[in-house]
Amino acid sequence: MSLAERIRKAREKAGMTLDQLARAAGVSKTYVWELEQDTEGAKKPSAELLLKIANALSITLAELMGLPSVKADNRTVEISESLREFVERMRRLKIELTETEIRDLATTRFRGGQPKSADDWHDLYRVLKRAVPNE
């Protein structure tokens, strides 16, 4: 299935009009229409734009791109000592991390590993906050 078809089907499943999707994604209605008509894949939207569209449709970027993905279960996640120190640091700074944020950090792996210190967790948290802004 082409990107055009996935966008159209996701929009229809979400019960959104072209105009609603365009407003939610911060793009023009014409551009969304062009993307939905581009069954040959001539248009090459940026990753940033695709992420905006996916977010507006309440789906993942992987779903929008037709990439394989899995949903994590609600299993208990171990929180390392260094992550606990980071969470405490944030509390002292009057920044309460949500349970979801803590779980997401605890399950993050890069090259098979995790940050080893509260400072490293703080760096990772700042990078992730910049990459995925609040909605």
Protein backbone atom coordinates (compact mmCIF):
# COMPACT_ATOMS: atom_id res chain seq x y z
CA MET A 1 0.00 0.00 0.00
CA SER A 2 1.35 3.44 -0.89
CA LEU A 3 1.89 6.30 1.55
CA ALA A 4 -0.96 8.12 -0.20
CA GLU A 5 -3.35 5.26 0.53
CA ARG A 6 -2.17 4.91 4.14
CA ILE A 7 -2.72 8.64 4.80
CA ARG A 8 -6.20 8.58 3.25
CA LYS A 9 -7.25 5.39 5.06
CA ALA A 10 -5.91 6.64 8.42
CA ARG A 11 -7.68 9.98 7.92
CA GLU A 12 -10.95 8.25 7.09
CA LYS A 13 -10.58 5.85 10.03
CA ALA A 14 -10.02 8.86 12.30
CA GLY A 15 -13.20 10.42 10.89
CA MET A 16 -11.32 13.51 9.76
CA THR A 17 -11.84 15.69 6.71
CA LEU A 18 -8.90 16.91 4.62
CA ASP A 19 -9.34 20.32 6.23
CA GLN A 20 -9.32 18.90 9.77
CA LEU A 21 -6.18 16.88 9.14
CA ALA A 22 -4.45 19.84 7.50
CA ARG A 23 -5.23 22.12 10.46
CA ALA A 24 -4.17 19.50 13.01
CA ALA A 25 -0.89 18.85 11.17
CA GLY A 26 -0.20 22.53 10.46
CA VAL A 27 -0.12 22.18 6.66
CA SER A 28 -2.36 23.28 3.82
CA LYS A 29 -5.43 21.31 2.80
CA THR A 30 -4.06 21.33 -0.75
CA TYR A 31 -0.83 19.67 0.36
CA VAL A 32 -2.68 16.91 2.25
CA TRP A 33 -4.85 16.35 -0.83
CA GLU A 34 -1.72 16.17 -3.02
CA LEU A 35 -0.15 13.62 -0.67
CA GLU A 36 -3.30 11.49 -0.77
CA GLN A 37 -3.34 11.61 -4.58
CA ASP A 38 0.36 10.77 -4.96
CA THR A 39 -0.01 7.01 -5.46
CA GLU A 40 3.22 6.95 -7.50
CA GLY A 41 5.26 8.30 -4.57
CA ALA A 42 6.65 11.31 -6.43
CA LYS A 43 6.26 13.62 -3.43
CA LYS A 44 8.89 13.23 -0.75
CA PRO A 45 7.53 14.83 2.46
CA SER A 46 10.04 15.44 5.23
CA ALA A 47 10.19 13.20 8.29
CA GLU A 48 9.05 16.18 10.37
CA LEU A 49 5.93 16.61 8.23
CA LEU A 50 5.15 12.89 8.32
CA LEU A 51 5.46 12.93 12.11
CA LYS A 52 3.04 15.89 12.30
CA ILE A 53 0.54 14.01 10.14
CA ALA A 54 0.94 10.81 12.17
CA ASN A 55 0.45 12.74 15.42
CA ALA A 56 -2.62 14.49 14.00
CA LEU A 57 -4.04 11.07 13.07
CA SER A 58 -3.12 9.61 16.50
CA ILE A 59 -1.02 6.88 14.91
CA THR A 60 2.68 6.10 15.01
CA LEU A 61 5.10 7.12 12.32
CA ALA A 62 5.75 3.41 11.75
CA GLU A 63 2.04 2.85 11.10
CA LEU A 64 1.91 5.78 8.69
CA MET A 65 4.95 4.48 6.81
CA GLY A 66 3.69 0.89 6.82
CA LEU A 67 6.69 -0.28 8.85
CA PRO A 68 6.53 -3.24 11.21
CA SER A 69 6.00 -2.31 14.84
CA VAL A 70 4.95 -3.82 18.12
CA LYS A 71 2.98 -2.49 21.04
CA ALA A 72 4.56 -2.86 24.45
CA ASP A 73 2.56 -4.66 27.07
CA ASN A 74 1.86 -3.31 30.54
CA ARG A 75 4.63 -5.33 32.15
CA THR A 76 6.50 -4.23 35.22
CA VAL A 77 9.65 -2.35 34.29
CA GLU A 78 12.75 -2.26 36.46
CA ILE A 79 14.02 1.23 37.20
CA SER A 80 17.76 1.50 37.65
CA GLU A 81 19.35 3.33 40.56
CA SER A 82 20.67 6.05 38.26
CA LEU A 83 17.18 6.61 36.79
CA ARG A 84 15.72 6.83 40.30
CA GLU A 85 18.34 9.47 41.12
CA PHE A 86 17.35 11.40 37.99
CA VAL A 87 13.63 11.24 38.89
CA GLU A 88 14.47 12.52 42.39
CA ARG A 89 16.57 15.33 40.90
CA MET A 90 13.65 16.38 38.72
CA ARG A 91 11.33 16.39 41.76
CA ARG A 92 13.74 18.69 43.57
CA LEU A 93 13.61 20.95 40.50
CA LYS A 94 9.79 20.91 40.82
CA ILE A 95 9.42 18.87 37.60
CA GLU A 96 7.25 15.81 38.14
CA LEU A 97 7.83 13.13 35.54
CA THR A 98 4.75 11.14 34.66
CA GLU A 99 4.63 7.39 35.16
CA THR A 100 4.61 7.04 31.36
CA GLU A 101 7.73 9.19 31.00
CA ILE A 102 9.56 7.16 33.64
CA ARG A 103 8.48 3.86 32.03
CA ASP A 104 9.53 5.11 28.58
CA LEU A 105 12.94 6.13 29.91
CA ALA A 106 13.34 2.83 31.77
CA THR A 107 12.69 0.85 28.58
CA THR A 108 14.94 2.98 26.37
CA ARG A 109 17.99 1.17 25.00
CA PHE A 110 20.72 2.50 22.75
CA ARG A 111 23.16 -0.04 21.38
CA GLY A 112 21.89 -2.42 24.01
CA GLY A 113 22.60 -0.15 26.96
CA GLN A 114 21.18 2.60 29.09
CA PRO A 115 22.55 5.76 30.69
CA LYS A 116 24.72 5.02 33.72
CA SER A 117 24.30 8.24 35.74
CA ALA A 118 21.61 10.76 36.64
CA ASP A 119 23.45 13.30 34.46
CA ASP A 120 23.28 10.93 31.48
CA TRP A 121 19.55 10.36 32.07
CA HIS A 122 19.06 14.14 32.22
CA ASP A 123 20.85 14.53 28.87
CA LEU A 124 18.70 11.82 27.30
CA TYR A 125 15.51 13.35 28.73
CA ARG A 126 16.36 16.79 27.30
CA VAL A 127 17.08 15.31 23.86
CA LEU A 128 13.82 13.37 23.86
CA LYS A 129 11.81 16.40 25.03
CA ARG A 130 13.25 18.46 22.16
CA ALA A 131 12.61 15.69 19.61
CA VAL A 132 9.04 15.00 20.74
CA PRO A 133 7.47 18.26 21.97
CA ASN A 134 4.35 18.29 24.14
CA GLU A 135 1.11 18.34 22.24
